[in-house]
Amino acid sequence: ADKGTYLRCGPADAAPLLSEGGPDSKPDSDDLV
């Protein structure tokens, strides 16, 4: 609702292989497009 986004790719039964903006995100200098 606040226009923030969560992008994820990977298995649905485990943590994603790649993600950005979600519960597992960590500070990093690379932005996933």
Full PDB file with SEQRES, HELIX, SHEET, SSBOND, CRYST1, ORIGX, SCALE, CONECT and MASTER records, all heavy atoms in Angstrom:
SEQRES   1 A   33  ALA ASP LYS GLY THR TYR LEU ARG CYS GLY PRO ALA ASP          
SEQRES   2 A   33  ALA ALA PRO LEU LEU SER GLU GLY GLY PRO ASP SER LYS          
SEQRES   3 A   33  PRO ASP SER ASP ASP LEU VAL                                  
SHEET    1 AA1 2 LEU A   7  CYS A   9  0                                        
SHEET    2 AA1 2 LEU A  18  GLU A  20 -1                                        
CRYST1    1.000    1.000    1.000  90.00  90.00  90.00 P 1           1          
ORIGX1      1.000000  0.000000  0.000000        0.00000                         
ORIGX2      0.000000  1.000000  0.000000        0.00000                         
ORIGX3      0.000000  0.000000  1.000000        0.00000                         
SCALE1      1.000000  0.000000  0.000000        0.00000                         
SCALE2      0.000000  1.000000  0.000000        0.00000                         
SCALE3      0.000000  0.000000  1.000000        0.00000                         
ATOM      1  N   ALA A   1       0.824  -1.210   0.000  1.00  0.00           N  
ATOM      2  CA  ALA A   1       0.000   0.000   0.000  1.00  0.00           C  
ATOM      3  C   ALA A   1       0.859   1.261   0.000  1.00  0.00           C  
ATOM      4  O   ALA A   1       0.453   2.295  -0.556  1.00  0.00           O  
ATOM      5  CB  ALA A   1      -0.939  -0.011   1.207  1.00  0.00           C  
ATOM      6  N   ASP A   2       2.036   1.202   0.624  1.00  0.00           N  
ATOM      7  CA  ASP A   2       2.930   2.372   0.662  1.00  0.00           C  
ATOM      8  C   ASP A   2       3.818   2.454  -0.571  1.00  0.00           C  
ATOM      9  O   ASP A   2       4.771   3.233  -0.601  1.00  0.00           O  
ATOM     10  CB  ASP A   2       3.785   2.343   1.924  1.00  0.00           C  
ATOM     11  CG  ASP A   2       4.703   1.120   1.977  1.00  0.00           C  
ATOM     12  OD1 ASP A   2       4.668   0.300   1.019  1.00  0.00           O  
ATOM     13  OD2 ASP A   2       5.451   0.973   2.960  1.00  0.00           O  
ATOM     14  N   LYS A   3       3.538   1.633  -1.610  1.00  0.00           N  
ATOM     15  CA  LYS A   3       4.265   1.577  -2.880  1.00  0.00           C  
ATOM     16  C   LYS A   3       5.616   0.869  -2.770  1.00  0.00           C  
ATOM     17  O   LYS A   3       6.357   0.777  -3.753  1.00  0.00           O  
ATOM     18  CB  LYS A   3       4.476   2.983  -3.473  1.00  0.00           C  
ATOM     19  CG  LYS A   3       3.182   3.763  -3.683  1.00  0.00           C  
ATOM     20  CD  LYS A   3       2.207   3.011  -4.563  1.00  0.00           C  
ATOM     21  CE  LYS A   3       0.917   3.810  -4.760  1.00  0.00           C  
ATOM     22  NZ  LYS A   3      -0.076   3.098  -5.599  1.00  0.00           N  
ATOM     23  N   GLY A   4       5.949   0.386  -1.585  1.00  0.00           N  
ATOM     24  CA  GLY A   4       7.148  -0.426  -1.453  1.00  0.00           C  
ATOM     25  C   GLY A   4       6.932  -1.772  -2.140  1.00  0.00           C  
ATOM     26  O   GLY A   4       5.795  -2.244  -2.274  1.00  0.00           O  
ATOM     27  N   THR A   5       8.018  -2.407  -2.584  1.00  0.00           N  
ATOM     28  CA  THR A   5       7.888  -3.663  -3.340  1.00  0.00           C  
ATOM     29  C   THR A   5       8.731  -4.777  -2.729  1.00  0.00           C  
ATOM     30  O   THR A   5       9.707  -4.526  -2.017  1.00  0.00           O  
ATOM     31  CB  THR A   5       8.321  -3.466  -4.802  1.00  0.00           C  
ATOM     32  OG1 THR A   5       9.690  -3.035  -4.850  1.00  0.00           O  
ATOM     33  CG2 THR A   5       7.438  -2.445  -5.499  1.00  0.00           C  
ATOM     34  N   TYR A   6       8.315  -5.983  -3.012  1.00  0.00           N  
ATOM     35  CA  TYR A   6       9.054  -7.186  -2.640  1.00  0.00           C  
ATOM     36  C   TYR A   6       9.148  -8.069  -3.878  1.00  0.00           C  
ATOM     37  O   TYR A   6       8.131  -8.520  -4.414  1.00  0.00           O  
ATOM     38  CB  TYR A   6       8.349  -7.925  -1.506  1.00  0.00           C  
ATOM     39  CG  TYR A   6       8.918  -9.286  -1.202  1.00  0.00           C  
ATOM     40  CD1 TYR A   6      10.294  -9.456  -1.000  1.00  0.00           C  
ATOM     41  CD2 TYR A   6       8.099 -10.407  -1.103  1.00  0.00           C  
ATOM     42  CE1 TYR A   6      10.824 -10.711  -0.718  1.00  0.00           C  
ATOM     43  CE2 TYR A   6       8.624 -11.661  -0.811  1.00  0.00           C  
ATOM     44  CZ  TYR A   6       9.988 -11.813  -0.620  1.00  0.00           C  
ATOM     45  OH  TYR A   6      10.516 -13.043  -0.346  1.00  0.00           O  
ATOM     46  N   LEU A   7      10.357  -8.312  -4.339  1.00  0.00           N  
ATOM     47  CA  LEU A   7      10.623  -9.167  -5.494  1.00  0.00           C  
ATOM     48  C   LEU A   7      11.341 -10.410  -4.998  1.00  0.00           C  
ATOM     49  O   LEU A   7      12.331 -10.292  -4.263  1.00  0.00           O  
ATOM     50  CB  LEU A   7      11.477  -8.419  -6.517  1.00  0.00           C  
ATOM     51  CG  LEU A   7      12.002  -9.214  -7.720  1.00  0.00           C  
ATOM     52  CD1 LEU A   7      10.849  -9.690  -8.611  1.00  0.00           C  
ATOM     53  CD2 LEU A   7      12.973  -8.352  -8.537  1.00  0.00           C  
ATOM     54  N   ARG A   8      10.870 -11.582  -5.393  1.00  0.00           N  
ATOM     55  CA  ARG A   8      11.520 -12.820  -4.964  1.00  0.00           C  
ATOM     56  C   ARG A   8      11.484 -13.853  -6.068  1.00  0.00           C  
ATOM     57  O   ARG A   8      10.555 -13.908  -6.888  1.00  0.00           O  
ATOM     58  CB  ARG A   8      10.872 -13.368  -3.696  1.00  0.00           C  
ATOM     59  CG  ARG A   8       9.445 -13.881  -3.857  1.00  0.00           C  
ATOM     60  CD  ARG A   8       9.361 -15.374  -4.049  1.00  0.00           C  
ATOM     61  NE  ARG A   8       9.664 -16.104  -2.847  1.00  0.00           N  
ATOM     62  CZ  ARG A   8       9.910 -17.408  -2.799  1.00  0.00           C  
ATOM     63  NH1 ARG A   8       9.851 -18.122  -3.928  1.00  0.00           N  
ATOM     64  NH2 ARG A   8      10.183 -18.014  -1.669  1.00  0.00           N  
ATOM     65  N   CYS A   9      12.524 -14.702  -6.096  1.00  0.00           N  
ATOM     66  CA  CYS A   9      12.582 -15.831  -7.015  1.00  0.00           C  
ATOM     67  C   CYS A   9      13.172 -17.025  -6.284  1.00  0.00           C  
ATOM     68  O   CYS A   9      14.153 -16.890  -5.538  1.00  0.00           O  
ATOM     69  CB  CYS A   9      13.458 -15.510  -8.231  1.00  0.00           C  
ATOM     70  SG  CYS A   9      12.725 -14.351  -9.379  1.00  0.00           S  
ATOM     71  N   GLY A  10      12.582 -18.205  -6.510  1.00  0.00           N  
ATOM     72  CA  GLY A  10      13.114 -19.406  -5.897  1.00  0.00           C  
ATOM     73  C   GLY A  10      12.028 -20.314  -5.377  1.00  0.00           C  
ATOM     74  O   GLY A  10      10.832 -20.079  -5.600  1.00  0.00           O  
ATOM     75  N   PRO A  11      12.409 -21.378  -4.673  1.00  0.00           N  
ATOM     76  CA  PRO A  11      11.446 -22.388  -4.215  1.00  0.00           C  
ATOM     77  C   PRO A  11      10.434 -21.817  -3.233  1.00  0.00           C  
ATOM     78  O   PRO A  11      10.761 -20.953  -2.418  1.00  0.00           O  
ATOM     79  CB  PRO A  11      12.337 -23.449  -3.564  1.00  0.00           C  
ATOM     80  CG  PRO A  11      13.587 -22.720  -3.185  1.00  0.00           C  
ATOM     81  CD  PRO A  11      13.798 -21.690  -4.251  1.00  0.00           C  
ATOM     82  N   ALA A  12       9.205 -22.329  -3.304  1.00  0.00           N  
ATOM     83  CA  ALA A  12       8.148 -21.857  -2.411  1.00  0.00           C  
ATOM     84  C   ALA A  12       8.186 -22.542  -1.061  1.00  0.00           C  
ATOM     85  O   ALA A  12       7.487 -22.128  -0.136  1.00  0.00           O  
ATOM     86  CB  ALA A  12       6.786 -22.076  -3.060  1.00  0.00           C  
ATOM     87  N   ASP A  13       9.021 -23.603  -0.930  1.00  0.00           N  
ATOM     88  CA  ASP A  13       9.103 -24.327   0.338  1.00  0.00           C  
ATOM     89  C   ASP A  13      10.377 -23.989   1.104  1.00  0.00           C  
ATOM     90  O   ASP A  13      10.707 -24.659   2.086  1.00  0.00           O  
ATOM     91  CB  ASP A  13       9.028 -25.832   0.090  1.00  0.00           C  
ATOM     92  CG  ASP A  13      10.143 -26.335  -0.817  1.00  0.00           C  
ATOM     93  OD1 ASP A  13      10.746 -25.507  -1.537  1.00  0.00           O  
ATOM     94  OD2 ASP A  13      10.427 -27.548  -0.809  1.00  0.00           O  
ATOM     95  N   ALA A  14      11.092 -22.961   0.672  1.00  0.00           N  
ATOM     96  CA  ALA A  14      12.329 -22.562   1.334  1.00  0.00           C  
ATOM     97  C   ALA A  14      12.583 -21.083   1.045  1.00  0.00           C  
ATOM     98  O   ALA A  14      11.857 -20.464   0.256  1.00  0.00           O  
ATOM     99  CB  ALA A  14      13.502 -23.412   0.838  1.00  0.00           C  
ATOM    100  N   ALA A  15      13.612 -20.530   1.669  1.00  0.00           N  
ATOM    101  CA  ALA A  15      13.964 -19.135   1.426  1.00  0.00           C  
ATOM    102  C   ALA A  15      14.292 -18.945  -0.049  1.00  0.00           C  
ATOM    103  O   ALA A  15      14.835 -19.838  -0.700  1.00  0.00           O  
ATOM    104  CB  ALA A  15      15.158 -18.744   2.286  1.00  0.00           C  
ATOM    105  N   PRO A  16      13.958 -17.792  -0.619  1.00  0.00           N  
ATOM    106  CA  PRO A  16      14.193 -17.578  -2.040  1.00  0.00           C  
ATOM    107  C   PRO A  16      15.679 -17.573  -2.392  1.00  0.00           C  
ATOM    108  O   PRO A  16      16.531 -17.278  -1.553  1.00  0.00           O  
ATOM    109  CB  PRO A  16      13.556 -16.211  -2.301  1.00  0.00           C  
ATOM    110  CG  PRO A  16      13.529 -15.533  -0.970  1.00  0.00           C  
ATOM    111  CD  PRO A  16      13.330 -16.622   0.025  1.00  0.00           C  
ATOM    112  N   LEU A  17      15.983 -17.905  -3.635  1.00  0.00           N  
ATOM    113  CA  LEU A  17      17.353 -17.804  -4.112  1.00  0.00           C  
ATOM    114  C   LEU A  17      17.778 -16.345  -4.201  1.00  0.00           C  
ATOM    115  O   LEU A  17      18.920 -15.997  -3.925  1.00  0.00           O  
ATOM    116  CB  LEU A  17      17.485 -18.459  -5.489  1.00  0.00           C  
ATOM    117  CG  LEU A  17      17.271 -19.973  -5.562  1.00  0.00           C  
ATOM    118  CD1 LEU A  17      17.256 -20.425  -7.021  1.00  0.00           C  
ATOM    119  CD2 LEU A  17      18.364 -20.704  -4.797  1.00  0.00           C  
ATOM    120  N   LEU A  18      16.864 -15.495  -4.608  1.00  0.00           N  
ATOM    121  CA  LEU A  18      17.103 -14.064  -4.732  1.00  0.00           C  
ATOM    122  C   LEU A  18      15.878 -13.319  -4.227  1.00  0.00           C  
ATOM    123  O   LEU A  18      14.745 -13.743  -4.479  1.00  0.00           O  
ATOM    124  CB  LEU A  18      17.345 -13.680  -6.196  1.00  0.00           C  
ATOM    125  CG  LEU A  18      18.650 -14.141  -6.842  1.00  0.00           C  
ATOM    126  CD1 LEU A  18      18.520 -14.086  -8.353  1.00  0.00           C  
ATOM    127  CD2 LEU A  18      19.802 -13.269  -6.385  1.00  0.00           C  
ATOM    128  N   SER A  19      16.096 -12.214  -3.533  1.00  0.00           N  
ATOM    129  CA  SER A  19      14.957 -11.412  -3.092  1.00  0.00           C  
ATOM    130  C   SER A  19      15.407  -9.998  -2.801  1.00  0.00           C  
ATOM    131  O   SER A  19      16.589  -9.728  -2.576  1.00  0.00           O  
ATOM    132  CB  SER A  19      14.299 -12.015  -1.839  1.00  0.00           C  
ATOM    133  OG  SER A  19      15.155 -11.895  -0.722  1.00  0.00           O  
ATOM    134  N   GLU A  20      14.445  -9.103  -2.823  1.00  0.00           N  
ATOM    135  CA  GLU A  20      14.709  -7.712  -2.450  1.00  0.00           C  
ATOM    136  C   GLU A  20      13.444  -7.092  -1.897  1.00  0.00           C  
ATOM    137  O   GLU A  20      12.362  -7.243  -2.474  1.00  0.00           O  
ATOM    138  CB  GLU A  20      15.190  -6.906  -3.659  1.00  0.00           C  
ATOM    139  CG  GLU A  20      15.436  -5.455  -3.303  1.00  0.00           C  
ATOM    140  CD  GLU A  20      16.416  -4.776  -4.241  1.00  0.00           C  
ATOM    141  OE1 GLU A  20      17.001  -5.446  -5.096  1.00  0.00           O  
ATOM    142  OE2 GLU A  20      16.581  -3.565  -4.086  1.00  0.00           O  
ATOM    143  N   GLY A  21      13.586  -6.445  -0.745  1.00  0.00           N  
ATOM    144  CA  GLY A  21      12.475  -5.733  -0.143  1.00  0.00           C  
ATOM    145  C   GLY A  21      11.592  -6.578   0.742  1.00  0.00           C  
ATOM    146  O   GLY A  21      10.572  -6.102   1.220  1.00  0.00           O  
ATOM    147  N   GLY A  22      11.961  -7.833   0.987  1.00  0.00           N  
ATOM    148  CA  GLY A  22      11.126  -8.730   1.763  1.00  0.00           C  
ATOM    149  C   GLY A  22      11.679  -9.016   3.136  1.00  0.00           C  
ATOM    150  O   GLY A  22      12.637  -8.390   3.591  1.00  0.00           O  
ATOM    151  N   PRO A  23      11.102 -10.021   3.808  1.00  0.00           N  
ATOM    152  CA  PRO A  23      11.494 -10.345   5.186  1.00  0.00           C  
ATOM    153  C   PRO A  23      12.932 -10.824   5.316  1.00  0.00           C  
ATOM    154  O   PRO A  23      13.528 -10.701   6.390  1.00  0.00           O  
ATOM    155  CB  PRO A  23      10.498 -11.441   5.581  1.00  0.00           C  
ATOM    156  CG  PRO A  23      10.045 -12.034   4.281  1.00  0.00           C  
ATOM    157  CD  PRO A  23      10.019 -10.890   3.324  1.00  0.00           C  
ATOM    158  N   ASP A  24      13.520 -11.386   4.259  1.00  0.00           N  
ATOM    159  CA  ASP A  24      14.894 -11.894   4.346  1.00  0.00           C  
ATOM    160  C   ASP A  24      15.931 -10.929   3.783  1.00  0.00           C  
ATOM    161  O   ASP A  24      17.109 -11.245   3.717  1.00  0.00           O  
ATOM    162  CB  ASP A  24      15.002 -13.230   3.588  1.00  0.00           C  
ATOM    163  CG  ASP A  24      14.125 -14.305   4.196  1.00  0.00           C  
ATOM    164  OD1 ASP A  24      14.109 -14.392   5.433  1.00  0.00           O  
ATOM    165  OD2 ASP A  24      13.464 -15.040   3.444  1.00  0.00           O  
ATOM    166  N   SER A  25      15.496  -9.748   3.365  1.00  0.00           N  
ATOM    167  CA  SER A  25      16.416  -8.808   2.736  1.00  0.00           C  
ATOM    168  C   SER A  25      17.411  -8.256   3.747  1.00  0.00           C  
ATOM    169  O   SER A  25      17.104  -8.029   4.912  1.00  0.00           O  
ATOM    170  CB  SER A  25      15.645  -7.659   2.091  1.00  0.00           C  
ATOM    171  OG  SER A  25      14.842  -8.126   1.032  1.00  0.00           O  
ATOM    172  N   LYS A  26      18.636  -8.035   3.250  1.00  0.00           N  
ATOM    173  CA  LYS A  26      19.699  -7.471   4.067  1.00  0.00           C  
ATOM    174  C   LYS A  26      20.315  -6.292   3.323  1.00  0.00           C  
ATOM    175  O   LYS A  26      20.248  -6.228   2.096  1.00  0.00           O  
ATOM    176  CB  LYS A  26      20.771  -8.531   4.353  1.00  0.00           C  
ATOM    177  CG  LYS A  26      20.250  -9.737   5.114  1.00  0.00           C  
ATOM    178  CD  LYS A  26      21.342 -10.777   5.285  1.00  0.00           C  
ATOM    179  CE  LYS A  26      20.809 -12.005   6.012  1.00  0.00           C  
ATOM    180  NZ  LYS A  26      21.851 -13.052   6.149  1.00  0.00           N  
ATOM    181  N   PRO A  27      20.926  -5.351   4.038  1.00  0.00           N  
ATOM    182  CA  PRO A  27      21.554  -4.214   3.360  1.00  0.00           C  
ATOM    183  C   PRO A  27      22.609  -4.697   2.376  1.00  0.00           C  
ATOM    184  O   PRO A  27      23.415  -5.558   2.670  1.00  0.00           O  
ATOM    185  CB  PRO A  27      22.187  -3.421   4.515  1.00  0.00           C  
ATOM    186  CG  PRO A  27      21.377  -3.803   5.710  1.00  0.00           C  
ATOM    187  CD  PRO A  27      21.013  -5.245   5.505  1.00  0.00           C  
ATOM    188  N   ASP A  28      22.573  -4.147   1.173  1.00  0.00           N  
ATOM    189  CA  ASP A  28      23.499  -4.557   0.124  1.00  0.00           C  
ATOM    190  C   ASP A  28      23.569  -3.419  -0.883  1.00  0.00           C  
ATOM    191  O   ASP A  28      22.675  -2.582  -0.946  1.00  0.00           O  
ATOM    192  CB  ASP A  28      23.010  -5.851  -0.542  1.00  0.00           C  
ATOM    193  CG  ASP A  28      24.114  -6.517  -1.355  1.00  0.00           C  
ATOM    194  OD1 ASP A  28      24.356  -6.052  -2.469  1.00  0.00           O  
ATOM    195  OD2 ASP A  28      24.709  -7.483  -0.859  1.00  0.00           O  
ATOM    196  N   SER A  29      24.622  -3.392  -1.668  1.00  0.00           N  
ATOM    197  CA  SER A  29      24.788  -2.306  -2.630  1.00  0.00           C  
ATOM    198  C   SER A  29      24.277  -2.671  -4.013  1.00  0.00           C  
ATOM    199  O   SER A  29      24.419  -1.884  -4.943  1.00  0.00           O  
ATOM    200  CB  SER A  29      26.269  -1.907  -2.721  1.00  0.00           C  
ATOM    201  OG  SER A  29      27.058  -3.014  -3.101  1.00  0.00           O  
ATOM    202  N   ASP A  30      23.696  -3.845  -4.171  1.00  0.00           N  
ATOM    203  CA  ASP A  30      23.155  -4.274  -5.459  1.00  0.00           C  
ATOM    204  C   ASP A  30      21.631  -4.252  -5.415  1.00  0.00           C  
ATOM    205  O   ASP A  30      21.025  -4.776  -4.481  1.00  0.00           O  
ATOM    206  CB  ASP A  30      23.626  -5.689  -5.811  1.00  0.00           C  
ATOM    207  CG  ASP A  30      25.111  -5.746  -6.102  1.00  0.00           C  
ATOM    208  OD1 ASP A  30      25.690  -4.684  -6.392  1.00  0.00           O  
ATOM    209  OD2 ASP A  30      25.683  -6.841  -6.028  1.00  0.00           O  
ATOM    210  N   ASP A  31      21.036  -3.642  -6.412  1.00  0.00           N  
ATOM    211  CA  ASP A  31      19.574  -3.595  -6.503  1.00  0.00           C  
ATOM    212  C   ASP A  31      19.097  -4.632  -7.508  1.00  0.00           C  
ATOM    213  O   ASP A  31      19.491  -4.600  -8.678  1.00  0.00           O  
ATOM    214  CB  ASP A  31      19.108  -2.213  -6.961  1.00  0.00           C  
ATOM    215  CG  ASP A  31      19.305  -1.153  -5.894  1.00  0.00           C  
ATOM    216  OD1 ASP A  31      19.357  -1.526  -4.709  1.00  0.00           O  
ATOM    217  OD2 ASP A  31      19.414   0.035  -6.242  1.00  0.00           O  
ATOM    218  N   LEU A  32      18.250  -5.532  -7.058  1.00  0.00           N  
ATOM    219  CA  LEU A  32      17.681  -6.551  -7.923  1.00  0.00           C  
ATOM    220  C   LEU A  32      16.581  -5.931  -8.790  1.00  0.00           C  
ATOM    221  O   LEU A  32      15.654  -5.323  -8.274  1.00  0.00           O  
ATOM    222  CB  LEU A  32      17.116  -7.682  -7.065  1.00  0.00           C  
ATOM    223  CG  LEU A  32      16.643  -8.950  -7.788  1.00  0.00           C  
ATOM    224  CD1 LEU A  32      17.801  -9.657  -8.454  1.00  0.00           C  
ATOM    225  CD2 LEU A  32      15.955  -9.876  -6.791  1.00  0.00           C  
ATOM    226  N   VAL A  33      16.706  -6.089 -10.105  1.00  0.00           N  
ATOM    227  CA  VAL A  33      15.744  -5.501 -11.034  1.00  0.00           C  
ATOM    228  C   VAL A  33      14.697  -6.519 -11.466  1.00  0.00           C  
ATOM    229  O   VAL A  33      13.504  -6.223 -11.521  1.00  0.00           O  
ATOM    230  CB  VAL A  33      16.468  -4.931 -12.278  1.00  0.00           C  
ATOM    231  CG1 VAL A  33      15.459  -4.385 -13.289  1.00  0.00           C  
ATOM    232  CG2 VAL A  33      17.450  -3.843 -11.867  1.00  0.00           C  
TER     233      VAL A  33                                                      
MASTER        0    0    0    0    2    0    0    6  232    1    0    3          
END                                                                             
